C-alpha atoms as a PDB file:
ATOM      1  CA  UNK A   1      90.555 113.739 103.436  1.00  0.00           C
ATOM      2  CA  UNK A   2      92.986 111.109 104.712  1.00  0.00           C
ATOM      3  CA  UNK A   3      93.425 108.015 102.530  1.00  0.00           C
ATOM      4  CA  UNK A   4      91.909 104.841 103.967  1.00  0.00           C
ATOM      5  CA  UNK A   5      94.403 102.070 104.520  1.00  0.00           C
ATOM      6  CA  UNK A   6      93.816  99.034 102.328  1.00  0.00           C
ATOM      7  CA  UNK A   7      95.572  96.325 100.373  1.00  0.00           C
ATOM      8  CA  UNK A   8      99.229  95.430 100.722  1.00  0.00           C
ATOM      9  CA  UNK A   9     101.010  97.405 103.448  1.00  0.00           C
ATOM     10  CA  UNK A  10     104.734  96.977 102.839  1.00  0.00           C
ATOM     11  CA  UNK A  11     106.917  97.289 105.942  1.00  0.00           C
ATOM     12  CA  UNK A  12     110.557  97.862 105.101  1.00  0.00           C
ATOM     13  CA  UNK A  13     113.277  95.472 106.293  1.00  0.00           C
ATOM     14  CA  UNK A  14     116.286  96.479 108.381  1.00  0.00           C
ATOM     15  CA  UNK A  15     119.225  97.406 106.151  1.00  0.00           C
ATOM     16  CA  UNK A  16     122.072  99.873 106.061  1.00  0.00           C
ATOM     17  CA  UNK A  17     122.054  99.768 102.258  1.00  0.00           C
ATOM     18  CA  UNK A  18     119.819 102.673 101.295  1.00  0.00           C
ATOM     19  CA  UNK A  19     120.069 102.044  97.564  1.00  0.00           C
ATOM     20  CA  UNK A  20     118.950  98.451  98.012  1.00  0.00           C
ATOM     21  CA  UNK A  21     116.141  99.556 100.313  1.00  0.00           C
ATOM     22  CA  UNK A  22     114.894 101.996  97.699  1.00  0.00           C
ATOM     23  CA  UNK A  23     115.154  99.446  94.886  1.00  0.00           C
ATOM     24  CA  UNK A  24     113.142  96.865  96.816  1.00  0.00           C
ATOM     25  CA  UNK A  25     110.538  99.380  97.938  1.00  0.00           C
ATOM     26  CA  UNK A  26     110.178 100.681  94.386  1.00  0.00           C
ATOM     27  CA  UNK A  27     109.546  97.120  93.232  1.00  0.00           C
ATOM     28  CA  UNK A  28     106.933  96.604  95.942  1.00  0.00           C
ATOM     29  CA  UNK A  29     105.145  99.800  94.927  1.00  0.00           C
ATOM     30  CA  UNK A  30     105.325  98.892  91.248  1.00  0.00           C
ATOM     31  CA  UNK A  31     103.745  95.559  92.141  1.00  0.00           C
ATOM     32  CA  UNK A  32     100.799  97.172  93.878  1.00  0.00           C
ATOM     33  CA  UNK A  33     101.755  97.920  97.485  1.00  0.00           C
ATOM     34  CA  UNK A  34      99.463 100.758  98.492  1.00  0.00           C
ATOM     35  CA  UNK A  35     101.139 101.849 101.732  1.00  0.00           C
ATOM     36  CA  UNK A  36     104.728 101.761 102.993  1.00  0.00           C
ATOM     37  CA  UNK A  37     105.960 101.806 106.576  1.00  0.00           C
ATOM     38  CA  UNK A  38     109.576 102.692 107.263  1.00  0.00           C
ATOM     39  CA  UNK A  39     110.730 100.495 110.126  1.00  0.00           C
ATOM     40  CA  UNK A  40     114.269 100.705 111.477  1.00  0.00           C
ATOM     41  CA  UNK A  41     115.196  99.692 115.000  1.00  0.00           C
ATOM     42  CA  UNK A  42     118.991  99.704 114.599  1.00  0.00           C
ATOM     43  CA  UNK A  43     120.010 102.575 112.305  1.00  0.00           C
ATOM     44  CA  UNK A  44     121.491 105.748 113.735  1.00  0.00           C
ATOM     45  CA  UNK A  45     119.702 109.078 113.527  1.00  0.00           C
ATOM     46  CA  UNK A  46     121.492 110.199 110.367  1.00  0.00           C
ATOM     47  CA  UNK A  47     120.819 106.997 108.456  1.00  0.00           C
ATOM     48  CA  UNK A  48     117.181 106.908 109.521  1.00  0.00           C
ATOM     49  CA  UNK A  49     116.738 110.483 108.314  1.00  0.00           C
ATOM     50  CA  UNK A  50     118.424 109.683 104.994  1.00  0.00           C
ATOM     51  CA  UNK A  51     116.400 106.535 104.368  1.00  0.00           C
ATOM     52  CA  UNK A  52     113.071 107.991 105.448  1.00  0.00           C
ATOM     53  CA  UNK A  53     113.552 111.133 103.348  1.00  0.00           C
ATOM     54  CA  UNK A  54     114.364 109.165 100.216  1.00  0.00           C
ATOM     55  CA  UNK A  55     111.534 106.718 100.822  1.00  0.00           C
ATOM     56  CA  UNK A  56     109.106 109.606 101.171  1.00  0.00           C
ATOM     57  CA  UNK A  57     110.166 110.986  97.798  1.00  0.00           C
ATOM     58  CA  UNK A  58     109.758 107.535  96.253  1.00  0.00           C
ATOM     59  CA  UNK A  59     106.316 107.069  97.790  1.00  0.00           C
ATOM     60  CA  UNK A  60     105.248 110.461  96.455  1.00  0.00           C
ATOM     61  CA  UNK A  61     106.080 109.234  92.942  1.00  0.00           C
ATOM     62  CA  UNK A  62     103.646 106.345  93.453  1.00  0.00           C
ATOM     63  CA  UNK A  63     101.033 108.396  95.350  1.00  0.00           C
ATOM     64  CA  UNK A  64     101.424 106.039  98.309  1.00  0.00           C
ATOM     65  CA  UNK A  65     101.476 107.172 101.957  1.00  0.00           C
ATOM     66  CA  UNK A  66     104.694 106.719 103.923  1.00  0.00           C
ATOM     67  CA  UNK A  67     104.232 105.882 107.602  1.00  0.00           C
ATOM     68  CA  UNK A  68     107.166 106.015 110.035  1.00  0.00           C
ATOM     69  CA  UNK A  69     107.344 103.292 112.660  1.00  0.00           C
ATOM     70  CA  UNK A  70     107.529 104.427 116.269  1.00  0.00           C
ATOM     71  CA  UNK A  71     109.439 107.692 115.704  1.00  0.00           C
ATOM     72  CA  UNK A  72     107.157 110.699 115.998  1.00  0.00           C
ATOM     73  CA  UNK A  73     110.044 113.146 115.807  1.00  0.00           C
ATOM     74  CA  UNK A  74     111.317 111.707 112.520  1.00  0.00           C
ATOM     75  CA  UNK A  75     107.824 111.624 111.034  1.00  0.00           C
ATOM     76  CA  UNK A  76     107.353 115.289 111.892  1.00  0.00           C
ATOM     77  CA  UNK A  77     110.833 116.274 110.677  1.00  0.00           C
ATOM     78  CA  UNK A  78     110.470 114.808 107.188  1.00  0.00           C
ATOM     79  CA  UNK A  79     106.730 115.573 106.970  1.00  0.00           C
ATOM     80  CA  UNK A  80     105.805 111.940 106.460  1.00  0.00           C
ATOM     81  CA  UNK A  81     102.167 111.021 106.009  1.00  0.00           C
ATOM     82  CA  UNK A  82     101.944 109.598 109.509  1.00  0.00           C
ATOM     83  CA  UNK A  83     103.340 107.380 112.227  1.00  0.00           C
ATOM     84  CA  UNK A  84     102.665 103.946 113.668  1.00  0.00           C
ATOM     85  CA  UNK A  85     103.015 103.629 117.429  1.00  0.00           C
ATOM     86  CA  UNK A  86     103.231 100.688 119.792  1.00  0.00           C
ATOM     87  CA  UNK A  87     102.711  99.718 123.389  1.00  0.00           C
ATOM     88  CA  UNK A  88     102.977 103.014 125.255  1.00  0.00           C
ATOM     89  CA  UNK A  89      99.435 104.368 125.505  1.00  0.00           C
ATOM     90  CA  UNK A  90     100.626 107.975 125.659  1.00  0.00           C
ATOM     91  CA  UNK A  91     102.167 107.790 122.222  1.00  0.00           C
ATOM     92  CA  UNK A  92      98.909 108.373 120.355  1.00  0.00           C
ATOM     93  CA  UNK A  93      98.349 111.667 122.160  1.00  0.00           C
ATOM     94  CA  UNK A  94     101.985 112.662 121.671  1.00  0.00           C
ATOM     95  CA  UNK A  95     101.818 111.830 117.986  1.00  0.00           C
ATOM     96  CA  UNK A  96      98.634 113.802 117.436  1.00  0.00           C
ATOM     97  CA  UNK A  97     100.022 116.858 119.221  1.00  0.00           C
ATOM     98  CA  UNK A  98     103.255 116.741 117.236  1.00  0.00           C
ATOM     99  CA  UNK A  99     101.859 115.824 113.843  1.00  0.00           C
ATOM    100  CA  UNK A 100      98.505 117.589 113.855  1.00  0.00           C
ATOM    101  CA  UNK A 101      95.017 116.478 112.858  1.00  0.00           C
ATOM    102  CA  UNK A 102      95.722 115.754 109.200  1.00  0.00           C
ATOM    103  CA  UNK A 103      98.396 113.090 109.636  1.00  0.00           C
ATOM    104  CA  UNK A 104      97.687 109.356 109.851  1.00  0.00           C
ATOM    105  CA  UNK A 105      98.255 107.575 113.157  1.00  0.00           C
ATOM    106  CA  UNK A 106      98.156 103.800 113.399  1.00  0.00           C
ATOM    107  CA  UNK A 107      98.349 101.853 116.638  1.00  0.00           C
ATOM    108  CA  UNK A 108      99.468  98.301 117.393  1.00  0.00           C
ATOM    109  CA  UNK A 109      96.806  96.512 119.417  1.00  0.00           C
ATOM    110  CA  UNK A 110      98.316  93.002 119.463  1.00  0.00           C
ATOM    111  CA  UNK A 111      95.534  90.690 120.767  1.00  0.00           C
ATOM    112  CA  UNK A 112      93.628  93.417 122.636  1.00  0.00           C
ATOM    113  CA  UNK A 113      90.268  94.484 121.219  1.00  0.00           C
ATOM    114  CA  UNK A 114      89.574  96.740 124.216  1.00  0.00           C
ATOM    115  CA  UNK A 115      92.774  98.628 123.443  1.00  0.00           C
ATOM    116  CA  UNK A 116      91.659  99.074 119.848  1.00  0.00           C
ATOM    117  CA  UNK A 117      88.263 100.400 120.912  1.00  0.00           C
ATOM    118  CA  UNK A 118      89.936 102.860 123.267  1.00  0.00           C
ATOM    119  CA  UNK A 119      92.296 104.162 120.619  1.00  0.00           C
ATOM    120  CA  UNK A 120      89.490 104.423 118.100  1.00  0.00           C
ATOM    121  CA  UNK A 121      87.726 106.738 120.557  1.00  0.00           C
ATOM    122  CA  UNK A 122      90.947 108.716 121.000  1.00  0.00           C
ATOM    123  CA  UNK A 123      91.362 109.345 117.280  1.00  0.00           C
ATOM    124  CA  UNK A 124      93.502 106.581 115.785  1.00  0.00           C
ATOM    125  CA  UNK A 125      93.170 106.276 112.017  1.00  0.00           C
ATOM    126  CA  UNK A 126      93.738 102.516 111.920  1.00  0.00           C
ATOM    127  CA  UNK A 127      94.631  99.678 114.283  1.00  0.00           C
ATOM    128  CA  UNK A 128      96.805  96.620 113.749  1.00  0.00           C
ATOM    129  CA  UNK A 129      96.324  93.167 115.269  1.00  0.00           C
ATOM    130  CA  UNK A 130      98.815  90.291 115.364  1.00  0.00           C
ATOM    131  CA  UNK A 131     100.873  88.230 115.288  1.00  0.00           C
ATOM    132  CA  UNK A 132      98.511  85.901 113.447  1.00  0.00           C
ATOM    133  CA  UNK A 133     101.292  83.507 112.460  1.00  0.00           C
ATOM    134  CA  UNK A 134     104.850  82.880 113.691  1.00  0.00           C
ATOM    135  CA  UNK A 135     107.004  85.842 112.714  1.00  0.00           C
ATOM    136  CA  UNK A 136     110.716  85.910 111.976  1.00  0.00           C
ATOM    137  CA  UNK A 137     110.748  89.643 112.717  1.00  0.00           C
ATOM    138  CA  UNK A 138     109.182  89.176 116.153  1.00  0.00           C
ATOM    139  CA  UNK A 139     109.739  85.536 117.127  1.00  0.00           C
ATOM    140  CA  UNK A 140     108.485  86.125 120.674  1.00  0.00           C
ATOM    141  CA  UNK A 141     105.203  87.737 119.653  1.00  0.00           C
ATOM    142  CA  UNK A 142     102.091  86.280 121.228  1.00  0.00           C
ATOM    143  CA  UNK A 143      99.724  84.559 118.795  1.00  0.00           C
ATOM    144  CA  UNK A 144      96.528  86.310 117.778  1.00  0.00           C
ATOM    145  CA  UNK A 145      93.477  84.202 116.862  1.00  0.00           C
ATOM    146  CA  UNK A 146      91.670  84.747 113.605  1.00  0.00           C
ATOM    147  CA  UNK A 147      88.437  85.044 115.583  1.00  0.00           C
ATOM    148  CA  UNK A 148      89.676  88.335 117.073  1.00  0.00           C
ATOM    149  CA  UNK A 149      89.898  89.831 113.611  1.00  0.00           C
ATOM    150  CA  UNK A 150      86.337  88.757 112.861  1.00  0.00           C
ATOM    151  CA  UNK A 151      85.094  90.237 116.149  1.00  0.00           C
ATOM    152  CA  UNK A 152      87.051  93.460 115.636  1.00  0.00           C
ATOM    153  CA  UNK A 153      85.353  94.051 112.300  1.00  0.00           C
ATOM    154  CA  UNK A 154      81.944  93.889 113.999  1.00  0.00           C
ATOM    155  CA  UNK A 155      82.857  96.423 116.699  1.00  0.00           C
ATOM    156  CA  UNK A 156      85.295  98.878 115.157  1.00  0.00           C
ATOM    157  CA  UNK A 157      84.530 101.592 112.643  1.00  0.00           C
ATOM    158  CA  UNK A 158      88.063 102.179 111.400  1.00  0.00           C
ATOM    159  CA  UNK A 159      90.360 100.119 109.175  1.00  0.00           C
ATOM    160  CA  UNK A 160      92.006  97.010 110.580  1.00  0.00           C
ATOM    161  CA  UNK A 161      95.468  95.796 109.603  1.00  0.00           C
ATOM    162  CA  UNK A 162      96.651  92.218 110.097  1.00  0.00           C
ATOM    163  CA  UNK A 163     100.335  91.594 110.789  1.00  0.00           C
ATOM    164  CA  UNK A 164     102.679  88.812 111.772  1.00  0.00           C
ATOM    165  CA  UNK A 165     104.063  85.949 109.718  1.00  0.00           C
ATOM    166  CA  UNK A 166     101.825  86.667 106.743  1.00  0.00           C
ATOM    167  CA  UNK A 167     102.667  84.804 103.545  1.00  0.00           C
ATOM    168  CA  UNK A 168     100.987  84.149 100.224  1.00  0.00           C
ATOM    169  CA  UNK A 169      99.866  80.810 101.650  1.00  0.00           C
ATOM    170  CA  UNK A 170      97.944  82.249 104.612  1.00  0.00           C
ATOM    171  CA  UNK A 171      97.016  85.821 103.655  1.00  0.00           C
ATOM    172  CA  UNK A 172      93.679  84.944 102.087  1.00  0.00           C
ATOM    173  CA  UNK A 173      92.219  83.750 105.389  1.00  0.00           C
ATOM    174  CA  UNK A 174      92.968  87.136 106.970  1.00  0.00           C
ATOM    175  CA  UNK A 175      91.463  89.033 104.069  1.00  0.00           C
ATOM    176  CA  UNK A 176      88.350  86.855 104.153  1.00  0.00           C
ATOM    177  CA  UNK A 177      88.060  87.494 107.908  1.00  0.00           C
ATOM    178  CA  UNK A 178      87.886  91.212 107.199  1.00  0.00           C
ATOM    179  CA  UNK A 179      91.422  92.605 107.228  1.00  0.00           C
ATOM    180  CA  UNK A 180      91.448  95.854 105.276  1.00  0.00           C
ATOM    181  CA  UNK A 181      95.205  95.588 104.817  1.00  0.00           C
ATOM    182  CA  UNK A 182      97.930  93.021 105.396  1.00  0.00           C
ATOM    183  CA  UNK A 183     101.321  94.177 106.654  1.00  0.00           C
ATOM    184  CA  UNK A 184     104.189  92.142 105.231  1.00  0.00           C
ATOM    185  CA  UNK A 185     107.965  92.288 105.669  1.00  0.00           C
ATOM    186  CA  UNK A 186     109.916  89.067 105.073  1.00  0.00           C
ATOM    187  CA  UNK A 187     107.493  87.304 102.739  1.00  0.00           C
ATOM    188  CA  UNK A 188     107.667  90.330 100.459  1.00  0.00           C
ATOM    189  CA  UNK A 189     111.176  91.761 100.707  1.00  0.00           C
ATOM    190  CA  UNK A 190     113.094  88.483 101.066  1.00  0.00           C
ATOM    191  CA  UNK A 191     111.792  87.127  97.774  1.00  0.00           C
ATOM    192  CA  UNK A 192     113.892  87.165  94.573  1.00  0.00           C
ATOM    193  CA  UNK A 193     111.194  89.096  92.689  1.00  0.00           C
ATOM    194  CA  UNK A 194     109.633  91.671  94.989  1.00  0.00           C
ATOM    195  CA  UNK A 195     107.438  93.199  92.304  1.00  0.00           C
ATOM    196  CA  UNK A 196     105.873  89.873  91.327  1.00  0.00           C
ATOM    197  CA  UNK A 197     105.336  88.991  94.976  1.00  0.00           C
ATOM    198  CA  UNK A 198     103.618  92.332  95.607  1.00  0.00           C
ATOM    199  CA  UNK A 199     101.373  91.683  92.613  1.00  0.00           C
ATOM    200  CA  UNK A 200     100.441  88.292  94.025  1.00  0.00           C
ATOM    201  CA  UNK A 201      99.585  89.720  97.450  1.00  0.00           C
ATOM    202  CA  UNK A 202      97.616  92.587  95.922  1.00  0.00           C
ATOM    203  CA  UNK A 203      95.607  90.255  93.702  1.00  0.00           C
ATOM    204  CA  UNK A 204      94.227  88.506  96.780  1.00  0.00           C
ATOM    205  CA  UNK A 205      92.147  91.566  97.614  1.00  0.00           C
ATOM    206  CA  UNK A 206      90.391  91.407  94.267  1.00  0.00           C
ATOM    207  CA  UNK A 207      88.832  88.098  95.298  1.00  0.00           C
ATOM    208  CA  UNK A 208      87.768  89.020  98.835  1.00  0.00           C
ATOM    209  CA  UNK A 209      84.229  87.950  99.711  1.00  0.00           C
END
C-alpha cells in the first residue's frame, strides 16, 4: 500500500553543493519532515542524478518517501518513490506508464479545483494547491484563496497539499482548513536551524482541529 502524504513535505532548495543539500535534508528529516521532494530546475543531468540518488538513500534511512519534481525519467532511473508533475495534462499519463501503478504521482493544481477532480479520476495520488501566500521561489505565482482548500476537502477523496509562501506564522490556517500536508522550501531550508524549524512545523499538525 502506498503511504498517504501528510505532515511536513520538505521541498529541497536549488544548490550545486550536494553535501550541504544532504546535511540540510537530513536535519529536516530528523526534525520530523515526513516526505521529501527533490526539486532542481538548473542542475545538469549528472548533478541531478547524483543529488537524487544520494537523497533517496538518505530518505530510505528515515523511511520517508522521495518524490522527484517534474522529471519522470530521473524518477524511473533512480527508482524514486514517485514524481510530482505540473501544468502539462499529459504528464500524469506519461508518469504512470513509465513508473507503474505502485509509484506515487502528485499533481500541481494551482487554483483549479476542476483540474484536481479530473486528475483524481485519472489516478493521481495527491494534488497540490497554491500559492497561498507570496512565494520567493515563484514570485509570479497567482494567489490561491484559503476557501479553495476548504472546498477541495469537501469534494476530493485524496490527500491535499498546500504550497506557496508557507511559514510558521501562517501554516496553521492551512492545516485548520484541511491541508493534509504543507510543502515548504525557504521557510525551512533558509533557517539557521533546519531541524528545529522542521520540529516546529511538524508540531502544528498535532494541534489540528
